[in-house]
Every structure is written in structure tokens, then in C-alpha cells.
Protein backbone atom coordinates (compact mmCIF):
# COMPACT_ATOMS: atom_id res chain seq x y z
CA MET A 1 134.49 108.86 91.09
CA ARG A 2 133.42 107.75 94.57
CA LYS A 3 130.85 110.53 94.77
CA ARG A 4 129.31 109.41 91.49
CA ILE A 5 129.20 105.81 92.76
CA TYR A 6 127.39 107.04 95.86
CA GLU A 7 124.87 108.94 93.75
CA ILE A 8 124.18 105.81 91.70
CA VAL A 9 123.89 103.27 94.53
CA ASP A 10 121.84 105.58 96.73
CA ILE A 11 118.04 105.58 96.41
CA ALA A 12 117.13 106.72 92.92
CA LYS A 13 116.48 110.39 92.21
CA LYS A 14 113.89 111.23 89.59
CA THR A 15 116.47 113.07 87.49
CA ASP A 16 119.20 110.43 87.74
CA LYS A 17 118.54 107.67 85.19
CA SER A 18 121.68 105.72 86.09
CA SER A 19 120.61 105.56 89.74
CA SER A 20 117.09 104.45 88.75
CA ILE A 21 118.46 101.72 86.46
CA TYR A 22 120.75 100.53 89.25
CA ASP A 23 117.88 100.35 91.74
CA TYR A 24 115.57 98.46 89.38
CA THR A 25 118.40 96.07 88.48
CA MET A 26 119.06 95.38 92.16
CA LEU A 27 115.35 94.76 92.72
CA LEU A 28 115.37 92.14 89.95
CA ILE A 29 118.50 90.55 91.44
CA ILE A 30 116.90 90.43 94.89
CA VAL A 31 113.76 88.78 93.51
CA ALA A 32 115.91 86.27 91.60
CA SER A 33 117.91 85.48 94.75
CA ILE A 34 114.71 84.59 96.60
CA VAL A 35 113.67 81.94 94.05
CA PRO A 36 116.06 79.16 95.29
CA VAL A 37 114.90 79.74 98.87
CA CYS A 38 111.33 78.88 97.85
CA PHE A 39 112.30 75.29 96.96
CA LYS A 40 113.41 72.48 99.27
CA THR A 41 115.66 70.92 96.63
CA SER A 42 118.53 72.49 94.74
CA ASN A 43 119.84 72.13 91.20
CA VAL A 44 122.52 73.59 88.96
CA LEU A 45 120.33 76.55 87.94
CA PHE A 46 119.64 77.51 91.55
CA ILE A 47 123.33 77.20 92.43
CA TRP A 48 124.32 79.59 89.64
CA ILE A 49 121.51 82.01 90.53
CA ASP A 50 122.80 82.05 94.10
CA ARG A 51 126.39 82.63 92.98
CA ILE A 52 125.55 85.46 90.59
CA THR A 53 123.18 87.22 92.97
CA VAL A 54 125.52 86.98 95.95
CA LEU A 55 128.29 88.48 93.79
CA ALA A 56 125.99 91.41 93.02
CA PHE A 57 125.22 91.77 96.74
CA ILE A 58 128.93 91.79 97.58
CA LEU A 59 129.64 94.51 95.00
CA ASP A 60 126.69 96.55 96.26
CA TYR A 61 127.95 96.19 99.85
CA ILE A 62 131.45 97.27 98.85
CA PHE A 63 130.15 100.26 96.86
CA ARG A 64 128.13 101.45 99.84
CA TRP A 65 130.97 100.85 102.28
CA VAL A 66 133.62 102.76 100.31
CA THR A 67 131.22 105.72 99.90
CA ALA A 68 130.04 105.75 103.52
CA ASP A 69 131.68 109.14 104.14
CA PHE A 70 129.21 110.72 101.70
CA LYS A 71 126.29 109.16 103.61
CA PHE A 72 127.61 110.27 107.02
CA LYS A 73 128.82 113.70 106.01
CA ASP A 74 129.61 114.89 109.54
CA LYS A 75 131.46 111.72 110.63
CA GLY A 76 134.47 111.85 108.32
CA ALA A 77 136.74 108.79 108.45
CA LYS A 78 134.61 107.28 111.22
CA SER A 79 131.93 106.66 108.59
CA PHE A 80 133.79 103.58 107.32
CA LEU A 81 133.73 102.11 110.83
CA LEU A 82 130.11 103.03 111.50
CA TYR A 83 128.60 101.78 108.25
CA PRO A 84 128.88 97.99 108.94
CA PHE A 85 126.78 98.51 112.08
CA THR A 86 123.89 100.33 110.39
CA PRO A 87 120.62 98.31 110.10
CA PHE A 88 120.68 98.01 106.30
CA ALA A 89 124.38 97.07 106.28
CA ILE A 90 123.67 94.27 108.77
CA ILE A 91 120.80 93.02 106.60
CA ASP A 92 123.06 93.13 103.54
CA LEU A 93 125.77 91.17 105.33
CA LEU A 94 123.33 88.56 106.65
CA SER A 95 122.01 88.02 103.14
CA ILE A 96 125.56 87.38 101.88
CA LEU A 97 127.07 85.19 104.60
CA PRO A 98 125.01 82.00 104.08
CA SER A 99 126.23 81.73 100.50
CA LEU A 100 129.87 82.25 101.52
CA THR A 101 130.03 79.99 104.56
CA ALA A 102 132.25 76.92 104.15
CA LEU A 103 130.72 75.21 107.18
CA ASN A 104 129.33 71.72 106.81
CA MET A 105 125.56 72.14 106.57
CA GLY A 106 125.15 68.56 107.76
CA PHE A 107 125.41 69.82 111.34
CA LYS A 108 121.97 70.81 112.59
CA LEU A 109 123.31 73.83 114.47
CA PHE A 110 124.99 75.19 111.35
CA ARG A 111 121.77 74.75 109.38
CA LEU A 112 120.39 77.69 111.33
CA LEU A 113 122.74 79.90 109.32
CA ARG A 114 120.63 79.15 106.27
CA LEU A 115 117.79 81.07 107.89
CA ASN A 116 119.76 84.22 107.14
CA LYS A 117 118.79 83.83 103.50
CA VAL A 118 115.39 85.27 104.32
CA PHE A 119 117.17 88.60 104.87
CA LYS A 120 117.46 88.81 101.09
CA VAL A 121 113.77 89.71 101.14
CA LEU A 122 114.46 92.60 103.51
CA LYS A 123 116.94 94.05 101.03
CA ILE A 124 113.92 95.11 98.97
CA LEU A 125 113.06 97.63 101.70
CA ARG A 126 116.24 99.56 100.86
CA TYR A 127 114.80 100.44 97.46
CA SER A 128 111.27 101.19 98.64
CA LYS A 129 110.34 104.86 98.95
CA SER A 130 107.11 103.85 100.68
CA PHE A 131 109.12 102.06 103.35
CA ASP A 132 111.21 105.20 103.88
CA LEU A 133 107.99 107.12 104.34
CA ILE A 134 106.67 104.62 106.89
CA LEU A 135 110.03 104.63 108.68
CA ASN A 136 109.87 108.42 108.97
CA VAL A 137 106.36 108.13 110.40
CA ILE A 138 107.49 105.57 112.99
CA MET A 139 110.44 107.75 114.02
CA LYS A 140 108.23 110.84 114.42
CA GLU A 141 105.51 108.95 116.30
CA LYS A 142 107.85 106.77 118.34
CA GLN A 143 106.80 108.29 121.67
CA ALA A 144 103.12 107.51 121.07
CA LEU A 145 103.95 104.04 119.73
CA LEU A 146 106.17 103.31 122.74
CA ALA A 147 103.33 104.36 125.03
CA VAL A 148 101.05 101.86 123.28
CA CYS A 149 103.71 99.15 123.60
CA TYR A 150 104.02 99.83 127.33
CA LEU A 151 100.22 99.68 127.65
CA ALA A 152 100.06 96.39 125.74
CA GLY A 153 102.95 94.87 127.70
CA GLY A 154 101.42 95.89 131.01
CA TYR A 155 98.01 94.55 130.07
CA ILE A 156 99.48 91.25 128.85
CA SER A 157 101.37 90.79 132.13
CA LEU A 158 98.35 91.72 134.25
CA SER A 159 95.87 89.54 132.34
CA ALA A 160 98.30 86.61 132.34
CA LEU A 161 98.75 86.94 136.10
CA ILE A 162 95.01 87.09 136.71
CA MET A 163 94.25 84.16 134.41
CA PHE A 164 97.07 82.09 135.91
CA SER A 165 95.49 82.61 139.33
CA VAL A 166 91.90 82.00 138.17
CA GLU A 167 92.69 78.98 135.94
CA PRO A 168 95.58 77.10 137.61
CA ASP A 169 94.58 73.80 136.00
CA SER A 170 94.46 75.19 132.45
CA PHE A 171 98.00 76.60 132.45
CA ASN A 172 101.04 74.48 133.24
CA SER A 173 103.28 77.52 133.69
CA PHE A 174 103.15 81.30 133.79
CA PHE A 175 104.64 81.34 130.28
CA ASP A 176 101.51 79.50 129.06
CA ALA A 177 99.44 82.30 130.59
CA ILE A 178 101.60 84.91 128.84
CA TYR A 179 101.15 83.03 125.56
CA TRP A 180 97.38 82.94 126.06
CA ALA A 181 97.31 86.66 126.88
CA VAL A 182 99.27 87.58 123.73
CA VAL A 183 97.09 85.37 121.52
CA THR A 184 93.92 86.79 123.08
CA LEU A 185 95.12 90.41 122.98
CA THR A 186 95.89 90.15 119.27
CA THR A 187 92.52 88.40 118.73
CA VAL A 188 94.26 85.47 117.01
CA GLY A 189 92.77 82.80 119.28
CA TYR A 190 94.44 79.51 118.31
CA GLY A 191 92.30 77.63 120.82
CA ASP A 192 95.10 75.35 122.07
CA ILE A 193 94.92 76.96 125.53
CA TYR A 194 91.65 78.31 126.86
CA PRO A 195 89.81 78.93 130.16
CA VAL A 196 87.23 76.39 131.31
CA SER A 197 85.61 78.11 134.30
CA ASN A 198 82.89 80.74 133.98
CA LEU A 199 85.05 83.38 135.68
CA GLY A 200 87.93 82.59 133.35
CA ARG A 201 85.71 82.80 130.28
CA ILE A 202 84.28 86.15 131.38
CA PHE A 203 87.78 87.53 131.84
CA GLY A 204 88.76 86.05 128.47
CA MET A 205 85.93 87.94 126.78
CA VAL A 206 86.99 91.18 128.45
CA SER A 207 90.56 90.57 127.31
CA SER A 208 89.41 90.06 123.73
CA PHE A 209 87.55 93.37 123.68
CA MET A 210 90.51 95.15 125.27
CA GLY A 211 92.77 93.56 122.66
CA ILE A 212 90.74 95.05 119.81
CA ALA A 213 91.10 98.51 121.36
CA ILE A 214 94.83 98.24 122.09
CA VAL A 215 95.72 96.76 118.68
CA ALA A 216 93.75 99.53 116.94
CA LEU A 217 95.76 102.30 118.64
CA PRO A 218 99.08 101.90 116.74
CA THR A 219 97.16 101.40 113.50
CA GLY A 220 95.46 104.77 113.94
CA ILE A 221 98.71 106.50 114.95
CA ILE A 222 100.65 105.18 111.95
CA THR A 223 97.78 105.87 109.53
CA ALA A 224 97.43 109.48 110.71
CA GLY A 225 101.19 110.02 110.54
CA TYR A 226 101.38 108.41 107.10
CA MET A 227 98.68 110.72 105.74
CA ASN A 228 100.49 113.75 107.17
CA GLU A 229 103.74 112.67 105.53
CA LEU A 230 101.97 112.13 102.19
CA ASN A 231 100.40 115.59 102.38
CA ARG A 232 103.76 117.11 103.27
CA SER A 233 105.44 115.33 100.33
CA ASP A 234 102.69 116.50 97.94
CA ASN A 235 103.06 120.08 99.14
CA LYS A 236 106.83 119.95 98.54
CA SER A 237 106.42 118.53 95.03
CA ASN A 238 103.83 121.19 94.12
CA ARG A 239 106.12 124.06 95.07
């Protein structure tokens, strides 16, 4: 019985209609659960939508928890202890807690708990095969992506330090220089902080060009890896 539950709640197989129906149903429930979050005011309909969807999330969480030993085949009984700490389990729990909390939302600090409702959107990723494909690409290319992150972090720190020294009057703190470096590196350019001297502007232009190059690196790595994974999947399906 538990094995069949695992087969149903796991990502749908092409030959398993029950699993496909379950996944599509959960997708509809997730989309419905997001509707009340898109409005500032609440009403009876939104309250009932929240109650019904959170009940479905709780059942889904329980189903996955009690079948965790099938997911972690080599862990045995430890699977039930490990599952709550997996990324998707944490997302599932964070999407449930705001609807269950009995805390008074009148306190501003406790209102932050309502931000967890946005994790309902992330539940969609569980049922996305494309996301699994991208996740596999990221895991396989993690060394190259980490190298790019180190390069970007080093360049941000260096450019912020240089600009903070060149433009002391334009930046109130080193954090402002870091903020400027990140905004410039990503070519966003809000314009709220900017250099005013000729030397600072020249360095700002260089930083913008460097930002285009650095931002393009992970895009190329992920795109190449994604195409390789697609070709590998097509080859498997054609066999």
C-alpha cells in the first residue's frame, strides 16, 4: 500500500495514469492556493480556498513522509528523519505553516510569517520535469558555476574597493560601494548611486563591460549543459 502511494505521489511516469492525475491535480491546487496571496484583502471565498488547499498540502506532505524509505532506498529507517530536512520538504512545510499559525498577525514581527506563503509558488517546481533537468545541469556544472561565482564575488569586492577610494564623496559607506558594484556588474543601473568624477566614470564604464562578460558566463554554461541533457534524454527515449 505504501509503495503504491509512493508511486502515485512521486513525479508522474508516462505509463502511470494515477500518478499523472495526482500531479496535475496538485498543480491546480497550487495555482488555486496562490490566488488569495495576489489580493490585499480577504473574503470568505479566499478563506475556504486557503483551508482546502492547505489540507491538500498537509496530506501530500504526510504521504511523502510516510513513504520516505522508498525515496531513500539505502537509508532505511533513517529516511523518516532525513526527509523533513530535504529542500522540497522544507518548501512544503513553509507553504503550510502560515495557514496553521495561531499567532496574532497584528504584531508586525509575526506578519513576516505571512511571507512564507510565497513558497506555495515553489511547490510547482516539484512537478516540473524541466526544473529537474535544469537542476541536473546545475549539479553537473557546479564546479564551473562556482568558479564564475568566485570570479564575480572577487570582481565586485575589488571594484567596490577601488570606487570607494576614487569616489569617497559619492559613497557614504563601503556597503554603498558594494551595492553600486553589484548593480553595475549586473548592468541593472538604477542610477541612485553613481560616480561624478571623470576617473570614477571611466572605471564605471569598464565595470559595465566586465559585468556583461561575467554575467554571460553562467548563461553559456547552463545553456550548453541543458542542450547536452536534452540530447541525452532524446537518445534514451529513442532506444
